[in-house]
Amino acid sequence: MLKIPENIYGELVARAREGAPLEICGYLAGGADGEVKTHYPLTNTDASAEHFSFDPKEQFAAFKDATARGQRLIVCYHSHPATPARPSAEDIKLAYDPNISYVIISLSAAEPVVKSFKIKAGTVTNEEIEIT
């Protein structure tokens, strides 16, 4: 189970709304227990409504900061401005780390939908999110 503090959950939804119609992306860091502690908003260097790429300098800085805090990157997140909160074929193909969660914030419905997934060797499994 992924545990996201209410304030960070709100930041994810707000960023997705502010970034629309482009996808936004970033990392969440925390402990092995799945409890999120730190939010790292990153730049979508693709500036696209259909896919994202991280800025490598920001990506490394997030990793370095999380490590310095005694945390690890436990979530890779991005938004789907016009499609449901489920991994696309590209999302599945690019999910290289089976140890992290993949969170998608969808704006395709009247209210934002946030879902988490584990993706291992092309197999997608839903993961429960608890807002703390």
Protein backbone atom coordinates (compact mmCIF):
# COMPACT_ATOMS: atom_id res chain seq x y z
CA MET A 1 0.00 0.00 0.00
CA LEU A 2 1.18 3.49 -0.86
CA LYS A 3 0.64 6.14 1.82
CA ILE A 4 0.53 9.74 0.59
CA PRO A 5 0.14 12.70 2.97
CA GLU A 6 -2.91 14.80 2.15
CA ASN A 7 -0.82 17.91 1.41
CA ILE A 8 1.38 16.06 -1.12
CA TYR A 9 -1.69 14.44 -2.70
CA GLY A 10 -3.13 17.95 -3.10
CA GLU A 11 0.13 19.16 -4.66
CA LEU A 12 -0.02 16.36 -7.26
CA VAL A 13 -3.58 17.23 -8.28
CA ALA A 14 -2.83 20.98 -8.32
CA ARG A 15 0.28 20.46 -10.47
CA ALA A 16 -1.66 18.29 -12.92
CA ARG A 17 -4.34 20.96 -13.25
CA GLU A 18 -1.81 23.79 -13.61
CA GLY A 19 0.23 21.87 -16.18
CA ALA A 20 -2.69 20.83 -18.36
CA PRO A 21 -2.97 20.30 -21.23
CA LEU A 22 0.64 19.02 -20.94
CA GLU A 23 1.69 16.06 -18.80
CA ILE A 24 3.48 16.86 -15.55
CA CYS A 25 5.89 14.45 -13.84
CA GLY A 26 8.07 13.87 -10.82
CA TYR A 27 9.12 11.62 -7.98
CA LEU A 28 7.94 10.95 -4.46
CA ALA A 29 10.43 9.73 -1.89
CA GLY A 30 9.98 7.91 1.39
CA GLY A 31 10.74 4.67 3.13
CA ALA A 32 10.47 0.99 2.35
CA ASP A 33 7.10 1.01 4.17
CA GLY A 34 5.54 2.90 1.25
CA GLU A 35 5.03 6.10 3.24
CA VAL A 36 5.72 9.19 1.13
CA LYS A 37 7.74 11.93 2.83
CA THR A 38 9.06 14.19 0.06
CA HIS A 39 7.75 15.49 -3.27
CA TYR A 40 10.10 16.23 -6.18
CA PRO A 41 8.30 18.00 -9.03
CA LEU A 42 10.36 17.61 -12.22
CA THR A 43 10.24 19.29 -15.61
CA ASN A 44 8.65 17.38 -18.47
CA THR A 45 11.33 18.09 -21.06
CA ASP A 46 9.08 16.67 -23.80
CA ALA A 47 6.48 19.41 -23.12
CA SER A 48 3.85 17.01 -24.46
CA ALA A 49 0.23 16.13 -23.69
CA GLU A 50 0.90 12.46 -24.44
CA HIS A 51 4.26 11.56 -22.87
CA PHE A 52 6.98 12.81 -20.58
CA SER A 53 10.73 12.72 -20.02
CA PHE A 54 12.57 13.88 -16.91
CA ASP A 55 15.27 16.54 -16.96
CA PRO A 56 18.35 14.42 -16.12
CA LYS A 57 19.89 17.10 -13.85
CA GLU A 58 16.66 17.40 -11.85
CA GLN A 59 16.34 13.62 -11.72
CA PHE A 60 19.85 13.23 -10.29
CA ALA A 61 19.27 16.10 -7.82
CA ALA A 62 16.08 14.39 -6.55
CA PHE A 63 17.94 11.09 -6.09
CA LYS A 64 20.82 12.82 -4.31
CA ASP A 65 18.51 14.81 -1.99
CA ALA A 66 16.37 11.79 -1.12
CA THR A 67 19.49 9.77 -0.30
CA ALA A 68 20.82 12.58 1.90
CA ARG A 69 17.50 12.51 3.80
CA GLY A 70 17.77 8.76 4.35
CA GLN A 71 14.93 8.15 1.89
CA ARG A 72 14.63 6.52 -1.50
CA LEU A 73 12.60 7.32 -4.59
CA ILE A 74 9.47 5.17 -4.21
CA VAL A 75 7.10 6.72 -6.77
CA CYS A 76 7.41 7.92 -10.34
CA TYR A 77 4.32 9.98 -11.16
CA HIS A 78 2.85 11.74 -14.15
CA SER A 79 -0.48 13.08 -15.32
CA HIS A 80 -2.85 12.06 -18.08
CA PRO A 81 -4.60 15.33 -18.97
CA ALA A 82 -7.18 13.74 -21.29
CA THR A 83 -7.04 9.97 -20.69
CA PRO A 84 -7.93 7.68 -17.78
CA ALA A 85 -5.64 6.88 -14.83
CA ARG A 86 -4.22 3.67 -16.23
CA PRO A 87 -0.79 2.97 -17.70
CA SER A 88 -0.55 3.41 -21.46
CA ALA A 89 1.42 0.96 -23.59
CA GLU A 90 4.31 3.46 -23.51
CA ASP A 91 4.06 3.78 -19.69
CA ILE A 92 4.32 0.00 -19.36
CA LYS A 93 7.21 -0.24 -21.81
CA LEU A 94 9.18 2.46 -19.98
CA ALA A 95 8.53 1.12 -16.45
CA TYR A 96 12.06 -0.11 -15.85
CA ASP A 97 12.06 -0.27 -12.05
CA PRO A 98 9.80 -2.99 -10.60
CA ASN A 99 10.52 -1.75 -7.06
CA ILE A 100 8.78 1.61 -7.33
CA SER A 101 5.15 2.61 -7.69
CA TYR A 102 3.82 4.36 -10.77
CA VAL A 103 1.18 6.98 -9.97
CA ILE A 104 -1.05 8.52 -12.63
CA ILE A 105 -3.19 11.62 -12.07
CA SER A 106 -6.02 11.72 -14.62
CA LEU A 107 -7.97 14.85 -15.48
CA SER A 108 -10.24 13.15 -18.01
CA ALA A 109 -13.28 13.12 -15.69
CA ALA A 110 -15.05 15.95 -13.86
CA GLU A 111 -12.94 15.24 -10.76
CA PRO A 112 -9.27 14.19 -10.86
CA VAL A 113 -8.57 10.49 -10.39
CA VAL A 114 -5.28 9.35 -8.84
CA LYS A 115 -4.24 5.71 -9.06
CA SER A 116 -1.08 3.77 -8.27
CA PHE A 117 0.35 0.73 -10.02
CA LYS A 118 3.20 -1.72 -9.72
CA ILE A 119 4.61 -2.70 -13.11
CA LYS A 120 6.90 -5.70 -13.37
CA ALA A 121 8.01 -7.27 -16.66
CA GLY A 122 5.03 -5.75 -18.46
CA THR A 123 2.47 -6.91 -15.88
CA VAL A 124 0.41 -4.15 -14.27
CA THR A 125 -1.02 -4.55 -10.77
CA ASN A 126 -3.25 -1.99 -9.02
CA GLU A 127 -1.88 -0.65 -5.74
CA GLU A 128 -4.05 0.82 -3.02
CA ILE A 129 -3.42 4.45 -2.02
CA GLU A 130 -4.08 5.66 1.51
CA ILE A 131 -4.29 9.44 2.00
CA THR A 132 -2.79 10.23 5.42
